[in-house]
Amino acid sequence: MTSLSISILPEAPEHSAAIESLHDRGFGPGRFARTAFRLREGVRPTPGLSYVALVGTLLVGSVRLSPIRIGGVPALLLGPLAVEPAFMNRGIGTELMKTALDAAREQGHALALLVGDEPFYAKSGFTRIPHGKVRLPGPVDPDRLLVAELKPGVFADVEGLAEPYFG
């Protein structure tokens, strides 16, 4: 990971303002128009599956997993994953993602979906979804639509529209 002393902790209510500021700096106001944001809009992240990275008391990273359905099948949407620019390229994002996905497996979740760069996310088990197998409720570059099977083989028969889950 990094030579810094990083603590990965479950997200808590007192982290909310710092996370929102991190997202503002990292993604800007345009994030609200993105399709992945639409999948999270109005949906609370899955309890126990959102984490922060701290250096001392300074929040330097955050990841969230939110409930969705793909063709009616339960799944998780990974994101946003954000790291303060001054702390990038030190393994913090990868460690946040690993922690969240391990916790999701322990809770019995089977699938995680995201929109992102395959070379980065492949290190954590994500692969490109075949074009047309999963549709999102808005435009997305199909080459950036990725899935990780948290239970081997579970994605084979999954297809359809990805949509928020408010359950």
N, C-alpha and C. Protein backbone atom coordinates (compact mmCIF):
# COMPACT_ATOMS: atom_id res chain seq x y z
N MET A 1 0.84 -1.18 0.00
CA MET A 1 0.00 0.00 0.00
C MET A 1 0.89 1.24 0.00
N THR A 2 1.11 1.89 1.10
CA THR A 2 1.86 3.13 1.16
C THR A 2 2.66 3.18 2.45
N SER A 3 3.65 4.04 2.49
CA SER A 3 4.43 4.17 3.72
C SER A 3 3.71 5.05 4.74
N LEU A 4 2.64 5.71 4.32
CA LEU A 4 1.85 6.52 5.26
C LEU A 4 1.09 5.60 6.21
N SER A 5 0.78 6.10 7.38
CA SER A 5 -0.05 5.36 8.31
C SER A 5 -1.51 5.65 7.97
N ILE A 6 -2.12 4.74 7.25
CA ILE A 6 -3.50 4.90 6.78
C ILE A 6 -4.40 4.00 7.61
N SER A 7 -5.52 4.55 8.04
CA SER A 7 -6.54 3.76 8.73
C SER A 7 -7.74 3.64 7.80
N ILE A 8 -8.22 2.43 7.58
CA ILE A 8 -9.45 2.19 6.83
C ILE A 8 -10.52 1.86 7.86
N LEU A 9 -11.56 2.68 7.90
CA LEU A 9 -12.62 2.54 8.89
C LEU A 9 -13.98 2.56 8.22
N PRO A 10 -14.98 1.94 8.84
CA PRO A 10 -16.34 2.08 8.33
C PRO A 10 -16.75 3.55 8.33
N GLU A 11 -17.45 3.95 7.28
CA GLU A 11 -17.96 5.32 7.23
C GLU A 11 -18.92 5.55 8.39
N ALA A 12 -18.81 6.72 8.99
CA ALA A 12 -19.69 7.10 10.10
C ALA A 12 -20.32 8.45 9.78
N PRO A 13 -21.43 8.79 10.44
CA PRO A 13 -22.10 10.07 10.16
C PRO A 13 -21.18 11.28 10.23
N GLU A 14 -20.21 11.26 11.13
CA GLU A 14 -19.32 12.42 11.26
C GLU A 14 -18.39 12.59 10.06
N HIS A 15 -18.34 11.61 9.16
CA HIS A 15 -17.51 11.72 7.95
C HIS A 15 -18.26 12.38 6.79
N SER A 16 -19.56 12.55 6.91
CA SER A 16 -20.39 13.00 5.78
C SER A 16 -19.92 14.29 5.13
N ALA A 17 -19.65 15.32 5.91
CA ALA A 17 -19.25 16.61 5.34
C ALA A 17 -17.91 16.49 4.61
N ALA A 18 -16.95 15.78 5.18
CA ALA A 18 -15.65 15.61 4.54
C ALA A 18 -15.77 14.80 3.25
N ILE A 19 -16.64 13.79 3.24
CA ILE A 19 -16.84 12.99 2.03
C ILE A 19 -17.48 13.84 0.94
N GLU A 20 -18.46 14.62 1.30
CA GLU A 20 -19.12 15.49 0.31
C GLU A 20 -18.12 16.48 -0.29
N SER A 21 -17.26 17.04 0.54
CA SER A 21 -16.21 17.95 0.05
C SER A 21 -15.24 17.23 -0.88
N LEU A 22 -14.86 16.01 -0.52
CA LEU A 22 -13.98 15.20 -1.35
C LEU A 22 -14.62 14.95 -2.72
N HIS A 23 -15.91 14.60 -2.73
CA HIS A 23 -16.62 14.37 -3.99
C HIS A 23 -16.72 15.65 -4.81
N ASP A 24 -16.97 16.77 -4.15
CA ASP A 24 -17.02 18.06 -4.86
C ASP A 24 -15.70 18.33 -5.57
N ARG A 25 -14.60 18.15 -4.86
CA ARG A 25 -13.28 18.41 -5.44
C ARG A 25 -12.92 17.40 -6.53
N GLY A 26 -13.26 16.16 -6.29
CA GLY A 26 -12.85 15.11 -7.21
C GLY A 26 -13.71 14.97 -8.46
N PHE A 27 -15.01 15.23 -8.32
CA PHE A 27 -15.92 14.97 -9.43
C PHE A 27 -16.66 16.20 -9.92
N GLY A 28 -16.69 17.25 -9.12
CA GLY A 28 -17.35 18.49 -9.53
C GLY A 28 -18.86 18.36 -9.61
N PRO A 29 -19.52 19.46 -9.98
CA PRO A 29 -20.97 19.45 -10.04
C PRO A 29 -21.53 18.57 -11.15
N GLY A 30 -20.71 18.27 -12.17
CA GLY A 30 -21.18 17.42 -13.26
C GLY A 30 -21.49 16.00 -12.85
N ARG A 31 -21.05 15.61 -11.66
CA ARG A 31 -21.30 14.23 -11.20
C ARG A 31 -22.78 13.93 -11.08
N PHE A 32 -23.59 14.94 -10.81
CA PHE A 32 -25.02 14.73 -10.61
C PHE A 32 -25.73 14.32 -11.89
N ALA A 33 -25.12 14.60 -13.04
CA ALA A 33 -25.73 14.25 -14.33
C ALA A 33 -25.28 12.87 -14.82
N ARG A 34 -24.29 12.29 -14.20
CA ARG A 34 -23.77 11.00 -14.65
C ARG A 34 -24.76 9.88 -14.36
N THR A 35 -24.76 8.89 -15.23
CA THR A 35 -25.67 7.76 -15.09
C THR A 35 -25.44 7.01 -13.78
N ALA A 36 -24.19 6.80 -13.39
CA ALA A 36 -23.92 6.09 -12.13
C ALA A 36 -24.52 6.85 -10.95
N PHE A 37 -24.47 8.18 -10.99
CA PHE A 37 -25.09 8.95 -9.91
C PHE A 37 -26.59 8.71 -9.89
N ARG A 38 -27.20 8.63 -11.07
CA ARG A 38 -28.65 8.38 -11.12
C ARG A 38 -29.02 7.04 -10.46
N LEU A 39 -28.13 6.05 -10.58
CA LEU A 39 -28.40 4.77 -9.94
C LEU A 39 -28.34 4.86 -8.41
N ARG A 40 -27.59 5.85 -7.91
CA ARG A 40 -27.46 6.01 -6.45
C ARG A 40 -28.43 7.04 -5.89
N GLU A 41 -29.01 7.85 -6.74
CA GLU A 41 -29.84 8.96 -6.28
C GLU A 41 -31.01 8.47 -5.42
N GLY A 42 -31.06 8.98 -4.20
CA GLY A 42 -32.13 8.64 -3.28
C GLY A 42 -31.97 7.29 -2.59
N VAL A 43 -30.87 6.58 -2.88
CA VAL A 43 -30.62 5.26 -2.30
C VAL A 43 -29.53 5.40 -1.25
N ARG A 44 -29.79 4.88 -0.08
CA ARG A 44 -28.78 4.91 0.98
C ARG A 44 -27.76 3.80 0.71
N PRO A 45 -26.47 4.09 0.88
CA PRO A 45 -25.47 3.03 0.73
C PRO A 45 -25.79 1.86 1.65
N THR A 46 -25.40 0.68 1.23
CA THR A 46 -25.66 -0.53 2.01
C THR A 46 -24.91 -0.46 3.34
N PRO A 47 -25.63 -0.63 4.46
CA PRO A 47 -24.97 -0.56 5.78
C PRO A 47 -23.77 -1.50 5.87
N GLY A 48 -22.70 -0.98 6.43
CA GLY A 48 -21.50 -1.78 6.65
C GLY A 48 -20.62 -1.95 5.43
N LEU A 49 -20.96 -1.29 4.31
CA LEU A 49 -20.18 -1.46 3.08
C LEU A 49 -19.61 -0.15 2.54
N SER A 50 -19.55 0.86 3.36
CA SER A 50 -18.94 2.13 2.97
C SER A 50 -17.80 2.41 3.93
N TYR A 51 -16.66 2.82 3.34
CA TYR A 51 -15.43 2.97 4.14
C TYR A 51 -14.73 4.28 3.82
N VAL A 52 -13.94 4.73 4.78
CA VAL A 52 -13.11 5.92 4.60
C VAL A 52 -11.66 5.56 4.90
N ALA A 53 -10.76 6.33 4.30
CA ALA A 53 -9.34 6.21 4.58
C ALA A 53 -8.92 7.48 5.29
N LEU A 54 -8.23 7.33 6.42
CA LEU A 54 -7.78 8.46 7.21
C LEU A 54 -6.27 8.42 7.38
N VAL A 55 -5.66 9.60 7.31
CA VAL A 55 -4.28 9.80 7.74
C VAL A 55 -4.41 10.66 8.98
N GLY A 56 -4.21 10.06 10.13
CA GLY A 56 -4.52 10.77 11.38
C GLY A 56 -6.02 11.00 11.41
N THR A 57 -6.41 12.28 11.49
CA THR A 57 -7.84 12.62 11.47
C THR A 57 -8.28 13.16 10.11
N LEU A 58 -7.35 13.23 9.14
CA LEU A 58 -7.65 13.77 7.81
C LEU A 58 -8.24 12.69 6.92
N LEU A 59 -9.45 12.91 6.44
CA LEU A 59 -10.09 11.98 5.53
C LEU A 59 -9.46 12.15 4.15
N VAL A 60 -8.86 11.07 3.62
CA VAL A 60 -8.16 11.16 2.33
C VAL A 60 -8.79 10.26 1.27
N GLY A 61 -9.79 9.48 1.63
CA GLY A 61 -10.44 8.61 0.65
C GLY A 61 -11.76 8.09 1.15
N SER A 62 -12.58 7.66 0.20
CA SER A 62 -13.91 7.16 0.53
C SER A 62 -14.38 6.20 -0.57
N VAL A 63 -15.13 5.18 -0.17
CA VAL A 63 -15.80 4.30 -1.12
C VAL A 63 -17.15 3.93 -0.54
N ARG A 64 -18.12 3.78 -1.44
CA ARG A 64 -19.46 3.37 -1.03
C ARG A 64 -19.95 2.27 -1.95
N LEU A 65 -20.78 1.39 -1.41
CA LEU A 65 -21.49 0.37 -2.18
C LEU A 65 -22.97 0.58 -1.92
N SER A 66 -23.74 0.66 -3.01
CA SER A 66 -25.18 0.92 -2.90
C SER A 66 -25.96 -0.21 -3.56
N PRO A 67 -27.15 -0.50 -3.05
CA PRO A 67 -27.95 -1.59 -3.61
C PRO A 67 -28.59 -1.22 -4.94
N ILE A 68 -28.49 -2.13 -5.90
CA ILE A 68 -29.16 -2.00 -7.19
C ILE A 68 -29.74 -3.36 -7.55
N ARG A 69 -30.43 -3.42 -8.64
CA ARG A 69 -30.90 -4.67 -9.24
C ARG A 69 -30.50 -4.64 -10.71
N ILE A 70 -30.10 -5.79 -11.23
CA ILE A 70 -29.80 -5.93 -12.65
C ILE A 70 -30.77 -6.98 -13.18
N GLY A 71 -31.75 -6.53 -13.98
CA GLY A 71 -32.76 -7.47 -14.45
C GLY A 71 -33.47 -8.15 -13.30
N GLY A 72 -33.64 -7.44 -12.20
CA GLY A 72 -34.31 -7.98 -11.01
C GLY A 72 -33.39 -8.71 -10.04
N VAL A 73 -32.13 -8.94 -10.42
CA VAL A 73 -31.18 -9.68 -9.57
C VAL A 73 -30.45 -8.69 -8.65
N PRO A 74 -30.39 -8.96 -7.36
CA PRO A 74 -29.69 -8.05 -6.44
C PRO A 74 -28.20 -7.92 -6.79
N ALA A 75 -27.71 -6.70 -6.69
CA ALA A 75 -26.29 -6.42 -6.94
C ALA A 75 -25.93 -5.17 -6.14
N LEU A 76 -24.66 -4.81 -6.22
CA LEU A 76 -24.17 -3.59 -5.58
C LEU A 76 -23.53 -2.70 -6.63
N LEU A 77 -23.67 -1.41 -6.45
CA LEU A 77 -22.99 -0.44 -7.30
C LEU A 77 -21.83 0.13 -6.51
N LEU A 78 -20.61 -0.05 -7.00
CA LEU A 78 -19.44 0.50 -6.33
C LEU A 78 -19.24 1.93 -6.79
N GLY A 79 -19.17 2.82 -5.84
CA GLY A 79 -18.89 4.22 -6.16
C GLY A 79 -19.77 5.14 -5.35
N PRO A 80 -19.35 6.33 -5.26
CA PRO A 80 -18.08 6.79 -5.77
C PRO A 80 -16.90 6.28 -4.94
N LEU A 81 -15.80 6.10 -5.65
CA LEU A 81 -14.51 5.81 -5.04
C LEU A 81 -13.67 7.06 -5.27
N ALA A 82 -13.25 7.69 -4.20
CA ALA A 82 -12.51 8.95 -4.33
C ALA A 82 -11.33 8.99 -3.38
N VAL A 83 -10.22 9.54 -3.87
CA VAL A 83 -9.02 9.73 -3.07
C VAL A 83 -8.52 11.14 -3.32
N GLU A 84 -8.13 11.82 -2.24
CA GLU A 84 -7.56 13.17 -2.38
C GLU A 84 -6.39 13.12 -3.36
N PRO A 85 -6.33 14.06 -4.30
CA PRO A 85 -5.26 14.04 -5.31
C PRO A 85 -3.85 13.92 -4.72
N ALA A 86 -3.57 14.57 -3.62
CA ALA A 86 -2.23 14.51 -3.02
C ALA A 86 -1.90 13.12 -2.48
N PHE A 87 -2.89 12.25 -2.37
CA PHE A 87 -2.68 10.91 -1.81
C PHE A 87 -2.92 9.81 -2.85
N MET A 88 -3.09 10.20 -4.12
CA MET A 88 -3.32 9.21 -5.17
C MET A 88 -2.04 8.43 -5.46
N ASN A 89 -2.23 7.29 -6.11
CA ASN A 89 -1.12 6.41 -6.54
C ASN A 89 -0.32 5.86 -5.37
N ARG A 90 -1.00 5.67 -4.24
CA ARG A 90 -0.36 5.07 -3.06
C ARG A 90 -1.11 3.82 -2.61
N GLY A 91 -2.05 3.36 -3.42
CA GLY A 91 -2.78 2.14 -3.10
C GLY A 91 -4.00 2.35 -2.22
N ILE A 92 -4.33 3.58 -1.90
CA ILE A 92 -5.45 3.85 -0.99
C ILE A 92 -6.78 3.45 -1.61
N GLY A 93 -7.01 3.82 -2.88
CA GLY A 93 -8.25 3.45 -3.55
C GLY A 93 -8.42 1.94 -3.65
N THR A 94 -7.34 1.26 -3.99
CA THR A 94 -7.39 -0.20 -4.08
C THR A 94 -7.68 -0.82 -2.73
N GLU A 95 -7.08 -0.31 -1.67
CA GLU A 95 -7.33 -0.85 -0.33
C GLU A 95 -8.76 -0.59 0.12
N LEU A 96 -9.29 0.60 -0.17
CA LEU A 96 -10.69 0.89 0.15
C LEU A 96 -11.62 -0.09 -0.57
N MET A 97 -11.36 -0.29 -1.86
CA MET A 97 -12.19 -1.18 -2.66
C MET A 97 -12.11 -2.62 -2.14
N LYS A 98 -10.91 -3.09 -1.85
CA LYS A 98 -10.72 -4.44 -1.33
C LYS A 98 -11.49 -4.62 -0.02
N THR A 99 -11.39 -3.66 0.86
CA THR A 99 -12.09 -3.73 2.15
C THR A 99 -13.60 -3.82 1.94
N ALA A 100 -14.13 -2.95 1.07
CA ALA A 100 -15.58 -2.93 0.82
C ALA A 100 -16.05 -4.22 0.16
N LEU A 101 -15.31 -4.71 -0.84
CA LEU A 101 -15.72 -5.93 -1.53
C LEU A 101 -15.61 -7.16 -0.63
N ASP A 102 -14.58 -7.22 0.20
CA ASP A 102 -14.46 -8.32 1.17
C ASP A 102 -15.64 -8.32 2.13
N ALA A 103 -16.03 -7.14 2.60
CA ALA A 103 -17.17 -7.03 3.51
C ALA A 103 -18.47 -7.45 2.79
N ALA A 104 -18.59 -7.08 1.51
CA ALA A 104 -19.78 -7.47 0.74
C ALA A 104 -19.87 -8.99 0.61
N ARG A 105 -18.73 -9.63 0.34
CA ARG A 105 -18.72 -11.10 0.27
C ARG A 105 -19.15 -11.70 1.61
N GLU A 106 -18.60 -11.16 2.69
CA GLU A 106 -18.95 -11.67 4.03
C GLU A 106 -20.43 -11.51 4.32
N GLN A 107 -21.05 -10.45 3.79
CA GLN A 107 -22.49 -10.24 3.99
C GLN A 107 -23.34 -11.08 3.05
N GLY A 108 -22.70 -11.80 2.12
CA GLY A 108 -23.43 -12.67 1.22
C GLY A 108 -23.82 -12.06 -0.12
N HIS A 109 -23.31 -10.90 -0.44
CA HIS A 109 -23.61 -10.28 -1.74
C HIS A 109 -22.88 -11.04 -2.83
N ALA A 110 -23.47 -11.04 -4.04
CA ALA A 110 -22.93 -11.86 -5.13
C ALA A 110 -22.29 -11.07 -6.26
N LEU A 111 -22.74 -9.83 -6.50
CA LEU A 111 -22.28 -9.05 -7.66
C LEU A 111 -22.00 -7.61 -7.30
N ALA A 112 -21.00 -7.03 -7.95
CA ALA A 112 -20.75 -5.59 -7.84
C ALA A 112 -20.56 -5.05 -9.25
N LEU A 113 -21.16 -3.92 -9.52
CA LEU A 113 -21.12 -3.26 -10.82
C LEU A 113 -20.49 -1.89 -10.64
N LEU A 114 -19.81 -1.40 -11.67
CA LEU A 114 -19.32 -0.03 -11.65
C LEU A 114 -19.07 0.46 -13.06
N VAL A 115 -18.93 1.77 -13.17
CA VAL A 115 -18.53 2.41 -14.42
C VAL A 115 -17.15 2.98 -14.15
N GLY A 116 -16.13 2.46 -14.87
CA GLY A 116 -14.78 2.92 -14.60
C GLY A 116 -13.76 2.36 -15.58
N ASP A 117 -12.52 2.63 -15.30
CA ASP A 117 -11.41 2.22 -16.16
C ASP A 117 -11.00 0.78 -15.85
N GLU A 118 -11.17 -0.08 -16.84
CA GLU A 118 -10.87 -1.50 -16.63
C GLU A 118 -9.45 -1.77 -16.14
N PRO A 119 -8.42 -1.13 -16.68
CA PRO A 119 -7.06 -1.45 -16.19
C PRO A 119 -6.90 -1.24 -14.67
N PHE A 120 -7.53 -0.21 -14.12
CA PHE A 120 -7.43 0.02 -12.68
C PHE A 120 -8.27 -0.99 -11.90
N TYR A 121 -9.53 -1.17 -12.29
CA TYR A 121 -10.44 -2.00 -11.51
C TYR A 121 -10.22 -3.50 -11.71
N ALA A 122 -9.56 -3.90 -12.80
CA ALA A 122 -9.29 -5.33 -13.02
C ALA A 122 -8.44 -5.91 -11.90
N LYS A 123 -7.60 -5.08 -11.28
CA LYS A 123 -6.77 -5.55 -10.16
C LYS A 123 -7.63 -6.03 -8.99
N SER A 124 -8.87 -5.57 -8.95
CA SER A 124 -9.77 -5.96 -7.86
C SER A 124 -10.84 -6.94 -8.32
N GLY A 125 -10.64 -7.54 -9.50
CA GLY A 125 -11.54 -8.59 -9.96
C GLY A 125 -12.65 -8.14 -10.90
N PHE A 126 -12.64 -6.90 -11.34
CA PHE A 126 -13.68 -6.43 -12.25
C PHE A 126 -13.31 -6.75 -13.69
N THR A 127 -14.33 -7.13 -14.48
CA THR A 127 -14.15 -7.40 -15.90
C THR A 127 -15.22 -6.65 -16.69
N ARG A 128 -14.91 -6.42 -17.95
CA ARG A 128 -15.85 -5.71 -18.82
C ARG A 128 -17.08 -6.57 -19.06
N ILE A 129 -18.23 -5.94 -19.05
CA ILE A 129 -19.48 -6.63 -19.32
C ILE A 129 -19.69 -6.65 -20.84
N PRO A 130 -20.06 -7.80 -21.41
CA PRO A 130 -20.33 -7.83 -22.85
C PRO A 130 -21.39 -6.79 -23.23
N HIS A 131 -21.14 -6.09 -24.32
CA HIS A 131 -22.04 -5.02 -24.77
C HIS A 131 -23.48 -5.54 -24.86
N GLY A 132 -24.41 -4.79 -24.28
CA GLY A 132 -25.83 -5.09 -24.35
C GLY A 132 -26.35 -6.01 -23.26
N LYS A 133 -25.48 -6.67 -22.52
CA LYS A 133 -25.93 -7.60 -21.48
C LYS A 133 -26.58 -6.86 -20.31
N VAL A 134 -26.03 -5.70 -19.96
CA VAL A 134 -26.59 -4.87 -18.89
C VAL A 134 -26.80 -3.47 -19.46
N ARG A 135 -27.99 -2.93 -19.22
CA ARG A 135 -28.31 -1.57 -19.64
C ARG A 135 -28.44 -0.69 -18.41
N LEU A 136 -28.04 0.57 -18.55
CA LEU A 136 -28.17 1.53 -17.47
C LEU A 136 -29.22 2.57 -17.85
N PRO A 137 -29.78 3.27 -16.87
CA PRO A 137 -30.87 4.22 -17.15
C PRO A 137 -30.36 5.56 -17.70
N GLY A 138 -29.35 5.52 -18.52
CA GLY A 138 -28.78 6.72 -19.12
C GLY A 138 -27.56 6.33 -19.91
N PRO A 139 -26.96 7.30 -20.57
CA PRO A 139 -25.81 6.98 -21.41
C PRO A 139 -24.59 6.57 -20.59
N VAL A 140 -23.86 5.61 -21.13
CA VAL A 140 -22.61 5.16 -20.51
C VAL A 140 -21.76 4.52 -21.62
N ASP A 141 -20.47 4.71 -21.55
CA ASP A 141 -19.56 4.06 -22.48
C ASP A 141 -19.56 2.57 -22.14
N PRO A 142 -20.02 1.71 -23.04
CA PRO A 142 -20.11 0.28 -22.71
C PRO A 142 -18.77 -0.36 -22.36
N ASP A 143 -17.67 0.22 -22.81
CA ASP A 143 -16.36 -0.33 -22.48
C ASP A 143 -15.96 -0.04 -21.04
N ARG A 144 -16.70 0.85 -20.37
CA ARG A 144 -16.40 1.21 -18.98
C ARG A 144 -17.36 0.54 -17.99
N LEU A 145 -18.27 -0.27 -18.49
CA LEU A 145 -19.23 -0.95 -17.64
C LEU A 145 -18.62 -2.29 -17.20
N LEU A 146 -18.34 -2.38 -15.88
CA LEU A 146 -17.59 -3.51 -15.33
C LEU A 146 -18.37 -4.23 -14.24
N VAL A 147 -18.06 -5.50 -14.05
CA VAL A 147 -18.71 -6.30 -13.01
C VAL A 147 -17.65 -7.15 -12.30
N ALA A 148 -17.88 -7.39 -11.03
CA ALA A 148 -17.08 -8.34 -10.25
C ALA A 148 -18.03 -9.36 -9.65
N GLU A 149 -17.72 -10.63 -9.87
CA GLU A 149 -18.49 -11.69 -9.24
C GLU A 149 -17.92 -11.91 -7.84
N LEU A 150 -18.75 -11.67 -6.84
CA LEU A 150 -18.34 -11.91 -5.47
C LEU A 150 -18.58 -13.37 -5.09
N LYS A 151 -19.41 -14.03 -5.89
CA LYS A 151 -19.62 -15.48 -5.83
C LYS A 151 -19.38 -15.98 -7.25
N PRO A 152 -18.40 -16.84 -7.45
CA PRO A 152 -18.04 -17.28 -8.80
C PRO A 152 -19.22 -17.84 -9.60
N GLY A 153 -19.30 -17.41 -10.86
CA GLY A 153 -20.30 -17.93 -11.79
C GLY A 153 -21.66 -17.30 -11.72
N VAL A 154 -21.91 -16.42 -10.78
CA VAL A 154 -23.25 -15.88 -10.56
C VAL A 154 -23.70 -14.92 -11.66
N PHE A 155 -22.78 -14.32 -12.41
CA PHE A 155 -23.16 -13.35 -13.42
C PHE A 155 -23.60 -13.99 -14.74
N ALA A 156 -23.34 -15.25 -14.94
CA ALA A 156 -23.59 -15.90 -16.23
C ALA A 156 -25.01 -15.69 -16.74
N ASP A 157 -26.01 -15.79 -15.88
CA ASP A 157 -27.40 -15.70 -16.31
C ASP A 157 -28.04 -14.34 -16.02
N VAL A 158 -27.24 -13.37 -15.62
CA VAL A 158 -27.77 -12.05 -15.29
C VAL A 158 -27.72 -11.15 -16.51
N GLU A 159 -28.83 -10.49 -16.79
CA GLU A 159 -28.86 -9.49 -17.86
C GLU A 159 -30.09 -8.61 -17.65
N GLY A 160 -30.05 -7.43 -18.26
CA GLY A 160 -31.19 -6.54 -18.19
C GLY A 160 -30.81 -5.16 -17.70
N LEU A 161 -31.83 -4.43 -17.29
CA LEU A 161 -31.68 -3.06 -16.84
C LEU A 161 -31.15 -3.01 -15.41
N ALA A 162 -30.11 -2.19 -15.21
CA ALA A 162 -29.63 -1.91 -13.85
C ALA A 162 -30.44 -0.74 -13.33
N GLU A 163 -30.99 -0.88 -12.14
CA GLU A 163 -31.81 0.18 -11.56
C GLU A 163 -31.60 0.25 -10.06
N PRO A 164 -31.90 1.41 -9.47
CA PRO A 164 -31.74 1.55 -8.03
C PRO A 164 -32.65 0.57 -7.29
N TYR A 165 -32.22 0.21 -6.11
CA TYR A 165 -33.05 -0.63 -5.25
C TYR A 165 -33.25 0.08 -3.93
N PHE A 166 -34.50 0.32 -3.60
CA PHE A 166 -34.83 1.09 -2.40
C PHE A 166 -35.24 0.20 -1.23
N GLY A 167 -35.23 -1.14 -1.44
CA GLY A 167 -35.68 -2.10 -0.45
C GLY A 167 -35.10 -1.91 0.86
